[in-house]
N, C-alpha and C. Protein backbone atom coordinates (compact mmCIF):
# COMPACT_ATOMS: atom_id res chain seq x y z
N MET A 1 276.51 225.77 176.89
CA MET A 1 275.23 224.95 176.68
C MET A 1 274.98 224.13 177.99
N ALA A 2 273.60 224.08 178.11
CA ALA A 2 273.05 223.57 179.40
C ALA A 2 273.36 222.04 179.23
N GLU A 3 273.49 221.33 180.38
CA GLU A 3 273.65 219.93 180.44
C GLU A 3 272.28 219.28 180.15
N LYS A 4 272.23 218.13 179.55
CA LYS A 4 271.09 217.48 179.25
C LYS A 4 270.84 216.26 180.13
N ALA A 5 272.08 215.88 180.67
CA ALA A 5 272.04 214.67 181.53
C ALA A 5 273.18 214.93 182.55
N ILE A 6 272.92 214.28 183.84
CA ILE A 6 273.87 214.12 184.79
C ILE A 6 274.32 212.76 185.17
N VAL A 7 275.58 212.75 185.70
CA VAL A 7 276.14 211.50 186.31
C VAL A 7 276.44 211.83 187.57
N ILE A 8 275.87 211.10 188.63
CA ILE A 8 276.11 211.32 189.94
C ILE A 8 277.52 210.94 190.44
N ASP A 9 277.98 209.87 190.12
CA ASP A 9 279.25 209.30 190.59
C ASP A 9 279.99 208.69 189.43
N PRO A 10 281.27 208.92 189.30
CA PRO A 10 281.99 208.46 188.22
C PRO A 10 281.95 206.90 188.09
N LYS A 11 281.64 206.09 189.04
CA LYS A 11 281.36 204.78 189.03
C LYS A 11 280.13 204.27 188.35
N ASP A 12 279.21 205.30 188.16
CA ASP A 12 277.90 205.01 187.60
C ASP A 12 277.89 204.38 186.29
N SER A 13 277.07 203.48 185.90
CA SER A 13 276.83 202.94 184.65
C SER A 13 275.65 203.64 183.90
N VAL A 14 274.99 204.55 184.57
CA VAL A 14 273.96 205.20 183.92
C VAL A 14 274.08 206.75 184.27
N ALA A 15 273.36 207.47 183.28
CA ALA A 15 273.24 209.04 183.50
C ALA A 15 271.79 209.25 183.62
N VAL A 16 271.42 210.36 184.19
CA VAL A 16 269.96 210.62 184.32
C VAL A 16 269.67 211.93 183.45
N ALA A 17 268.62 211.81 182.65
CA ALA A 17 268.33 212.90 181.66
C ALA A 17 267.50 213.97 182.47
N VAL A 18 268.10 215.24 182.30
CA VAL A 18 267.47 216.35 183.01
C VAL A 18 266.41 217.16 181.99
N VAL A 19 266.34 216.60 180.76
CA VAL A 19 265.41 217.02 179.82
C VAL A 19 265.07 215.77 179.03
N GLU A 20 264.00 215.77 178.28
CA GLU A 20 263.59 214.62 177.54
C GLU A 20 264.67 214.57 176.39
N LEU A 21 265.05 213.32 176.01
CA LEU A 21 266.11 213.21 174.99
C LEU A 21 265.41 212.40 173.77
N ALA A 22 265.76 212.70 172.80
CA ALA A 22 265.25 212.13 171.45
C ALA A 22 266.08 211.11 170.98
N ALA A 23 265.44 210.03 170.26
CA ALA A 23 266.23 208.98 169.69
C ALA A 23 267.18 209.60 168.69
N GLY A 24 268.43 209.19 168.69
CA GLY A 24 269.36 209.76 167.50
C GLY A 24 270.00 210.92 168.16
N GLU A 25 269.69 211.54 169.10
CA GLU A 25 270.27 212.76 169.51
C GLU A 25 271.56 212.47 170.12
N CYS A 26 272.58 213.44 170.00
CA CYS A 26 273.89 213.29 170.61
C CYS A 26 273.84 213.93 171.91
N CYS A 27 274.23 213.34 172.92
CA CYS A 27 274.12 213.87 174.26
C CYS A 27 275.56 213.79 175.04
N THR A 28 275.99 214.90 175.38
CA THR A 28 277.23 214.86 176.14
C THR A 28 277.15 214.89 177.61
N VAL A 29 277.81 214.08 178.28
CA VAL A 29 277.83 214.04 179.76
C VAL A 29 279.20 214.17 180.44
N ARG A 30 279.15 214.67 181.54
CA ARG A 30 280.40 214.70 182.29
C ARG A 30 280.40 213.46 183.28
N VAL A 31 281.56 212.74 183.17
CA VAL A 31 281.74 211.62 184.11
C VAL A 31 283.05 211.89 184.69
N GLY A 32 282.95 212.32 185.93
CA GLY A 32 284.17 212.82 186.70
C GLY A 32 284.69 214.06 185.88
N ASP A 33 286.01 214.06 185.53
CA ASP A 33 286.58 215.01 184.75
C ASP A 33 286.63 214.79 183.24
N GLU A 34 285.84 213.71 182.80
CA GLU A 34 285.83 213.40 181.45
C GLU A 34 284.50 213.73 180.82
N LEU A 35 284.47 214.19 179.53
CA LEU A 35 283.20 214.45 178.81
C LEU A 35 283.08 213.28 177.94
N ARG A 36 281.80 212.81 177.99
CA ARG A 36 281.65 211.62 176.85
C ARG A 36 280.36 212.08 176.06
N ALA A 37 280.46 211.80 174.82
CA ALA A 37 279.33 211.87 173.76
C ALA A 37 278.76 210.56 173.62
N LEU A 38 277.34 210.53 173.65
CA LEU A 38 276.77 209.26 173.37
C LEU A 38 275.60 209.60 172.45
N GLU A 39 275.24 208.70 171.50
CA GLU A 39 274.01 208.76 170.78
C GLU A 39 272.86 208.05 171.44
N ILE A 40 271.85 208.73 171.75
CA ILE A 40 270.63 208.27 172.45
C ILE A 40 269.86 207.27 171.47
N ARG A 41 269.71 206.06 172.05
CA ARG A 41 269.12 204.98 171.04
C ARG A 41 267.58 204.97 171.02
N GLU A 42 267.01 205.54 171.98
CA GLU A 42 265.54 205.74 171.91
C GLU A 42 265.08 206.85 172.75
N LYS A 43 263.92 207.27 172.76
CA LYS A 43 263.41 208.39 173.62
C LYS A 43 263.57 208.08 175.09
N ILE A 44 264.34 209.01 175.71
CA ILE A 44 264.46 209.10 177.19
C ILE A 44 263.74 210.15 177.88
N PRO A 45 262.64 209.70 178.67
CA PRO A 45 261.98 210.74 179.29
C PRO A 45 262.74 211.42 180.28
N PHE A 46 262.26 212.70 180.68
CA PHE A 46 262.93 213.50 181.73
C PHE A 46 263.11 212.69 183.00
N GLY A 47 264.11 212.58 183.74
CA GLY A 47 264.36 211.94 184.94
C GLY A 47 264.69 210.55 184.86
N HIS A 48 264.61 210.03 183.65
CA HIS A 48 264.95 208.65 183.48
C HIS A 48 266.46 208.40 183.20
N LYS A 49 266.96 207.14 183.27
CA LYS A 49 268.22 206.80 183.00
C LYS A 49 268.47 206.30 181.78
N PHE A 50 269.73 206.45 181.24
CA PHE A 50 270.32 205.76 180.03
C PHE A 50 271.71 205.13 180.31
N ALA A 51 272.05 204.11 179.58
CA ALA A 51 273.41 203.59 179.80
C ALA A 51 274.52 204.35 179.31
N LEU A 52 275.48 204.40 180.06
CA LEU A 52 276.75 205.20 179.70
C LEU A 52 277.69 204.22 178.86
N ARG A 53 277.53 202.89 179.04
CA ARG A 53 278.42 201.94 178.49
C ARG A 53 277.62 200.57 178.42
N ARG A 54 278.19 199.75 177.67
CA ARG A 54 277.37 198.50 177.58
C ARG A 54 277.11 197.74 178.81
N ILE A 55 275.92 197.36 179.12
CA ILE A 55 275.70 196.63 180.33
C ILE A 55 275.20 195.31 179.98
N SER A 56 275.79 194.29 180.32
CA SER A 56 275.40 192.86 179.85
C SER A 56 274.34 192.36 180.83
N LYS A 57 273.40 191.41 180.30
CA LYS A 57 272.48 190.83 181.19
C LYS A 57 273.20 190.16 182.46
N GLY A 58 272.57 190.54 183.47
CA GLY A 58 273.15 190.02 184.74
C GLY A 58 274.07 190.98 185.50
N ASP A 59 274.44 191.94 184.79
CA ASP A 59 275.43 192.98 185.33
C ASP A 59 274.83 193.84 186.28
N ASP A 60 275.51 194.33 187.30
CA ASP A 60 274.89 195.30 188.20
C ASP A 60 274.73 196.51 187.46
N VAL A 61 273.66 197.30 187.92
CA VAL A 61 273.54 198.83 187.26
C VAL A 61 273.79 199.71 188.36
N LEU A 62 274.73 200.54 188.27
CA LEU A 62 275.25 201.62 189.18
C LEU A 62 274.64 202.91 189.05
N LYS A 63 274.10 203.52 190.10
CA LYS A 63 273.70 204.89 190.12
C LYS A 63 273.86 205.43 191.56
N TYR A 64 274.35 206.51 191.74
CA TYR A 64 274.78 207.28 192.98
C TYR A 64 276.02 206.39 193.47
N GLY A 65 276.70 205.74 192.61
CA GLY A 65 277.84 204.96 193.02
C GLY A 65 277.45 203.64 193.67
N GLU A 66 276.10 203.34 193.69
CA GLU A 66 275.66 202.19 194.36
C GLU A 66 274.89 201.28 193.27
N VAL A 67 274.76 199.94 193.66
CA VAL A 67 274.02 199.17 192.74
C VAL A 67 272.50 199.35 192.96
N ILE A 68 271.90 199.58 192.02
CA ILE A 68 270.33 199.85 191.96
C ILE A 68 269.41 198.81 191.56
N GLY A 69 270.36 197.76 190.93
CA GLY A 69 269.52 196.61 190.26
C GLY A 69 270.48 195.86 189.35
N GLU A 70 269.94 195.04 188.64
CA GLU A 70 270.57 194.04 187.73
C GLU A 70 269.88 194.13 186.42
N ALA A 71 270.76 194.08 185.40
CA ALA A 71 270.29 194.17 183.99
C ALA A 71 269.63 192.94 183.63
N ALA A 72 268.27 192.94 183.11
CA ALA A 72 267.50 191.89 182.76
C ALA A 72 267.80 191.32 181.40
N GLY A 73 268.58 192.23 180.54
CA GLY A 73 268.99 191.90 179.17
C GLY A 73 270.14 192.88 178.92
N ASP A 74 270.67 192.72 177.82
CA ASP A 74 271.90 193.45 177.40
C ASP A 74 271.30 194.91 177.08
N ILE A 75 272.03 195.91 177.64
CA ILE A 75 271.67 197.35 177.23
C ILE A 75 272.93 197.95 176.67
N GLU A 76 272.67 198.54 175.62
CA GLU A 76 273.70 199.25 174.81
C GLU A 76 273.92 200.59 175.25
N PRO A 77 275.07 201.36 175.14
CA PRO A 77 275.27 202.62 175.48
C PRO A 77 274.20 203.55 174.66
N GLY A 78 273.65 204.43 175.55
CA GLY A 78 272.56 205.27 175.19
C GLY A 78 271.22 204.71 175.16
N GLY A 79 271.14 203.43 175.60
CA GLY A 79 269.85 202.78 175.70
C GLY A 79 269.10 203.14 177.05
N TRP A 80 267.68 203.29 177.08
CA TRP A 80 266.94 203.49 178.15
C TRP A 80 267.07 202.40 179.19
N VAL A 81 267.26 202.83 180.41
CA VAL A 81 267.31 201.92 181.59
C VAL A 81 266.09 202.11 182.38
N HIS A 82 265.13 201.16 182.51
CA HIS A 82 264.05 201.29 183.20
C HIS A 82 263.40 199.92 183.57
N VAL A 83 262.13 199.75 184.08
CA VAL A 83 261.61 198.61 184.59
C VAL A 83 261.50 197.45 183.48
N HIS A 84 261.60 197.80 182.14
CA HIS A 84 261.53 196.81 181.29
C HIS A 84 262.92 196.11 181.15
N ASN A 85 263.98 196.60 181.75
CA ASN A 85 265.22 195.87 181.42
C ASN A 85 266.32 195.93 182.69
N LEU A 86 265.56 196.42 183.74
CA LEU A 86 266.41 196.56 185.13
C LEU A 86 265.42 195.80 186.23
N VAL A 87 266.08 194.97 187.02
CA VAL A 87 265.46 194.14 188.09
C VAL A 87 266.07 194.58 189.31
N SER A 88 265.20 194.99 190.27
CA SER A 88 265.70 195.36 191.58
C SER A 88 266.20 194.08 192.20
N LYS A 89 267.36 194.11 192.68
CA LYS A 89 267.90 192.95 193.39
C LYS A 89 267.25 192.67 194.69
N ARG A 90 266.78 193.73 195.56
CA ARG A 90 266.03 193.70 196.63
C ARG A 90 264.77 192.90 196.43
N ALA A 91 263.99 193.36 195.35
CA ALA A 91 262.81 192.68 195.07
C ALA A 91 263.00 191.21 194.70
N LYS A 92 264.11 191.04 193.88
CA LYS A 92 264.44 189.71 193.43
C LYS A 92 264.63 188.69 194.55
N GLU A 93 265.44 189.21 195.64
CA GLU A 93 265.75 188.46 196.80
C GLU A 93 264.53 188.21 197.70
N LYS A 94 263.63 189.15 197.70
CA LYS A 94 262.22 188.83 198.61
C LYS A 94 261.35 187.98 197.79
N ILE A 95 261.36 187.93 196.34
CA ILE A 95 260.60 186.93 195.74
C ILE A 95 261.18 185.58 195.98
N LEU A 96 262.50 185.46 195.79
CA LEU A 96 263.08 184.15 195.94
C LEU A 96 263.01 183.60 197.40
N GLU A 97 263.04 184.54 198.41
CA GLU A 97 262.82 184.19 199.69
C GLU A 97 261.41 183.75 199.92
N ALA A 98 260.46 184.36 199.43
CA ALA A 98 259.06 184.01 199.47
C ALA A 98 258.76 182.59 198.87
N LEU A 99 259.54 182.28 197.88
CA LEU A 99 259.31 181.07 197.09
C LEU A 99 259.85 179.86 197.75
N SER A 100 260.95 180.03 198.65
CA SER A 100 261.58 179.05 199.18
C SER A 100 260.96 178.58 200.59
């Protein structure tokens, strides 16, 4: 069976959908040597991210083994991770710098 999502680095807190995923669908992803099955909570467009584990508000979000932003709210496993719940730390730092 072809993979529907990929994880770049075992430290990542998100996977990337390589096909569109439907809400309620079960998606199996390889995280290092481990296979994990997750229920997708909402439609995940092709190329978009979803949470591999619970990410609490303020937690770092990891992709490529690197921090790509901060959770703006709690994100449950299988939840879509995008601009509505992910804040770029670089953008946040620039905004705070501009306001000071």
